[in-house]
Protein backbone atom coordinates (compact mmCIF):
# COMPACT_ATOMS: atom_id res chain seq x y z
CA MET A 1 12.33 26.42 -2.64
CA ARG A 2 12.09 22.63 -2.70
CA LEU A 3 8.46 21.71 -1.90
CA PHE A 4 6.03 18.84 -1.59
CA ALA A 5 2.41 18.45 -0.53
CA ALA A 6 1.86 15.99 2.30
CA VAL A 7 -0.32 14.46 4.95
CA LEU A 8 1.46 14.65 8.31
CA PRO A 9 0.51 11.95 10.82
CA PRO A 10 -0.36 13.25 14.29
CA ASP A 11 2.14 12.91 17.14
CA ALA A 12 0.27 9.94 18.65
CA ALA A 13 0.49 7.97 15.37
CA VAL A 14 4.19 8.82 15.04
CA ALA A 15 4.82 7.66 18.62
CA GLU A 16 3.02 4.35 17.98
CA LEU A 17 5.07 3.68 14.87
CA ALA A 18 8.29 4.68 16.65
CA ARG A 19 7.63 2.07 19.35
CA ALA A 20 7.49 -0.59 16.61
CA VAL A 21 10.44 0.73 14.59
CA ASP A 22 12.95 1.81 17.25
CA PRO A 23 13.91 -1.77 18.25
CA LEU A 24 14.83 -2.46 14.61
CA HIS A 25 17.42 0.31 14.33
CA ASP A 26 20.85 -0.94 13.32
CA ASP A 27 23.80 0.17 11.20
CA HIS A 28 22.64 -1.62 8.03
CA LEU A 29 20.11 1.09 7.18
CA THR A 30 19.97 4.86 7.48
CA TRP A 31 16.83 5.49 9.51
CA THR A 32 14.74 8.57 8.87
CA ALA A 33 14.06 10.88 11.77
CA ARG A 34 10.52 10.98 13.15
CA ALA A 35 10.28 14.62 12.12
CA GLY A 36 10.55 13.42 8.53
CA TRP A 37 7.70 10.92 8.68
CA HIS A 38 4.97 11.98 6.27
CA PHE A 39 2.89 10.78 3.34
CA THR A 40 4.08 12.74 0.30
CA LEU A 41 1.12 13.50 -1.97
CA ALA A 42 2.91 15.43 -4.72
CA PHE A 43 6.63 16.16 -4.95
CA MET A 44 7.19 19.49 -6.69
CA GLY A 45 10.95 19.94 -6.49
CA GLU A 46 12.27 23.46 -6.82
CA VAL A 47 9.38 25.94 -7.05
CA ARG A 48 9.94 29.53 -8.16
CA ASP A 49 8.81 32.25 -5.74
CA GLU A 50 6.52 33.88 -8.32
CA VAL A 51 4.49 30.62 -8.58
CA LEU A 52 3.82 30.41 -4.82
CA PRO A 53 0.69 32.62 -4.59
CA GLU A 54 -1.10 30.63 -7.32
CA LEU A 55 0.12 27.34 -5.83
CA HIS A 56 -1.26 28.29 -2.41
CA THR A 57 -4.61 29.27 -3.95
CA ARG A 58 -4.89 26.01 -5.87
CA LEU A 59 -3.84 23.84 -2.92
CA GLU A 60 -6.41 25.59 -0.76
CA ARG A 61 -9.06 24.69 -3.37
CA ALA A 62 -7.86 21.07 -3.46
CA ALA A 63 -8.14 20.88 0.34
CA HIS A 64 -11.57 22.54 0.30
CA ARG A 65 -12.85 19.98 -2.24
CA THR A 66 -11.69 17.03 -0.11
CA ALA A 67 -13.65 15.93 2.95
CA PRO A 68 -11.71 14.84 6.05
CA PHE A 69 -11.03 11.09 6.07
CA THR A 70 -9.62 8.38 8.30
CA LEU A 71 -6.20 6.72 7.97
CA ARG A 72 -3.99 4.53 10.08
CA LEU A 73 -0.39 3.41 9.73
CA HIS A 74 -0.36 -0.19 8.59
CA GLY A 75 2.29 -2.82 7.92
CA SER A 76 5.37 -2.22 5.83
CA GLY A 77 6.82 -2.56 2.36
CA HIS A 78 9.89 -1.78 0.34
CA PHE A 79 11.18 -0.31 -2.90
CA GLY A 80 13.80 -2.72 -4.17
CA GLU A 81 16.37 -3.55 -1.52
CA ARG A 82 17.11 0.07 -0.70
CA ALA A 83 14.04 1.61 0.95
CA LEU A 84 11.83 0.40 3.80
CA TRP A 85 8.46 2.05 4.40
CA ALA A 86 5.31 1.90 6.50
CA GLY A 87 2.02 1.76 4.68
CA ALA A 88 -1.43 3.19 5.20
CA ALA A 89 -4.88 1.68 5.58
CA GLY A 90 -8.32 3.21 5.91
CA GLU A 91 -9.89 5.54 3.40
CA LEU A 92 -7.16 5.11 0.78
CA ALA A 93 -9.43 6.23 -2.07
CA ALA A 94 -9.74 9.62 -0.35
CA LEU A 95 -5.97 9.79 0.16
CA ARG A 96 -5.39 8.96 -3.51
CA MET A 97 -7.94 11.60 -4.55
CA LEU A 98 -6.15 14.21 -2.43
CA ALA A 99 -2.86 13.19 -4.06
CA GLU A 100 -4.44 13.58 -7.53
CA ARG A 101 -5.82 16.99 -6.60
CA THR A 102 -2.51 18.25 -5.23
CA ASP A 103 -0.66 17.06 -8.33
CA ALA A 104 -3.22 18.82 -10.55
CA ALA A 105 -3.07 21.98 -8.40
CA ALA A 106 0.71 22.14 -8.77
CA ARG A 107 0.54 21.61 -12.55
CA ARG A 108 -2.15 24.29 -12.97
CA ALA A 109 -0.10 26.70 -10.86
CA GLY A 110 2.79 26.28 -13.29
CA VAL A 111 4.99 23.86 -11.36
CA PRO A 112 6.74 21.50 -13.80
CA MET A 113 5.84 18.09 -12.40
CA GLU A 114 7.39 14.71 -13.17
CA GLN A 115 5.47 12.21 -15.24
CA HIS A 116 2.24 11.32 -13.50
CA ARG A 117 2.02 7.84 -11.94
CA ARG A 118 -0.48 6.07 -9.70
CA TYR A 119 -0.13 7.19 -6.09
CA SER A 120 1.31 4.60 -3.70
CA PRO A 121 0.89 5.73 -0.07
CA HIS A 122 4.02 5.14 2.01
CA LEU A 123 5.99 6.72 4.82
CA THR A 124 9.74 6.16 4.38
CA LEU A 125 11.38 4.61 7.44
CA ALA A 126 14.90 3.80 6.24
CA ARG A 127 17.19 3.66 3.23
CA SER A 128 20.31 1.79 2.31
CA ARG A 129 23.20 2.86 0.09
CA ALA A 130 23.90 -0.77 -0.76
CA THR A 131 21.61 -3.70 -1.39
CA THR A 132 20.41 -4.83 2.02
CA PRO A 133 18.14 -7.80 2.77
CA LEU A 134 14.98 -6.16 4.08
CA ARG A 135 13.02 -9.34 4.92
CA PRO A 136 13.83 -9.23 8.67
CA TYR A 137 12.51 -5.66 8.94
CA LEU A 138 9.45 -6.43 6.83
CA ASP A 139 8.66 -9.48 8.95
CA ALA A 140 9.04 -7.48 12.17
CA LEU A 141 6.62 -4.79 10.95
CA ALA A 142 4.19 -7.01 9.03
CA GLY A 143 1.58 -7.07 11.78
CA PHE A 144 1.85 -3.39 12.70
CA GLU A 145 -1.57 -1.71 12.96
CA GLY A 146 -1.71 1.87 14.12
CA THR A 147 -4.69 3.59 15.70
CA PRO A 148 -6.91 5.38 13.16
CA TRP A 149 -6.79 9.15 13.00
CA GLN A 150 -8.68 11.81 11.08
CA VAL A 151 -6.80 13.48 8.25
CA ASP A 152 -8.06 17.04 8.31
CA THR A 153 -5.17 19.08 6.86
CA LEU A 154 -3.24 19.36 3.61
CA SER A 155 0.30 20.61 4.24
CA LEU A 156 2.83 22.22 1.94
CA VAL A 157 6.29 21.32 3.19
CA ARG A 158 9.69 22.77 2.39
CA SER A 159 12.57 20.32 2.28
CA ASN A 160 15.90 21.80 3.35
CA LEU A 161 18.55 19.41 2.09
CA PRO A 162 21.68 18.71 4.15
CA VAL A 163 24.53 21.09 3.36
CA SER A 164 27.11 20.43 6.09
CA GLY A 165 28.52 17.26 4.57
CA VAL A 166 28.30 15.57 7.97
CA PRO A 167 27.57 11.85 7.46
CA GLY A 168 24.05 10.93 8.52
CA GLU A 169 22.72 14.50 8.37
CA GLN A 170 19.09 14.42 7.27
CA PRO A 171 16.86 16.91 5.49
CA ARG A 172 14.96 19.36 7.67
CA TYR A 173 11.27 19.84 6.94
CA GLU A 174 9.32 23.04 7.47
CA THR A 175 5.57 23.39 6.94
CA VAL A 176 5.10 26.54 4.87
CA GLY A 177 1.35 26.22 4.26
CA ALA A 178 -1.57 24.25 5.69
CA TRP A 179 -5.21 24.13 4.66
CA PRO A 180 -8.12 22.41 6.38
CA LEU A 181 -9.87 19.70 4.43
CA GLY A 182 -13.48 20.28 3.54
CA GLY A 183 -13.17 24.05 3.84
């Protein structure tokens, strides 16, 4: 199954961000559904079933070794001219440490991971198939400050890619494991 480790913002944080983002929706970008808003910590790709028990054990350890911490949704950014995202503020060092631990847990469990790179916290809001000027969206979201919340769970999420061929269909996400931080 196609998996990633993530921090899932609570419903209240998602609703706050949606109030800021919904007025920006247009046909220039493909907007991600609220159900897909998350902070990916470690993308694992296709994971073999026989690796899952060890992966679960190691992710549980990573969660246990990480104390709960505070985050808030904050501002926006972009990757090139094709992806618009919301950022995070708060205890980013703790978020980065959790990302490092989940990456290491996956590697030790036998999941072939991509080349390691510094974690950049972001929640993808929209994408474009063509180069699209993102400055108007960035300006509109620049001052966004969400209410802080306590991150207390590490989630393992399955990504079910679209298969119908219907334009605009988005991946479906299913939480297949969750572990409390701090044990």
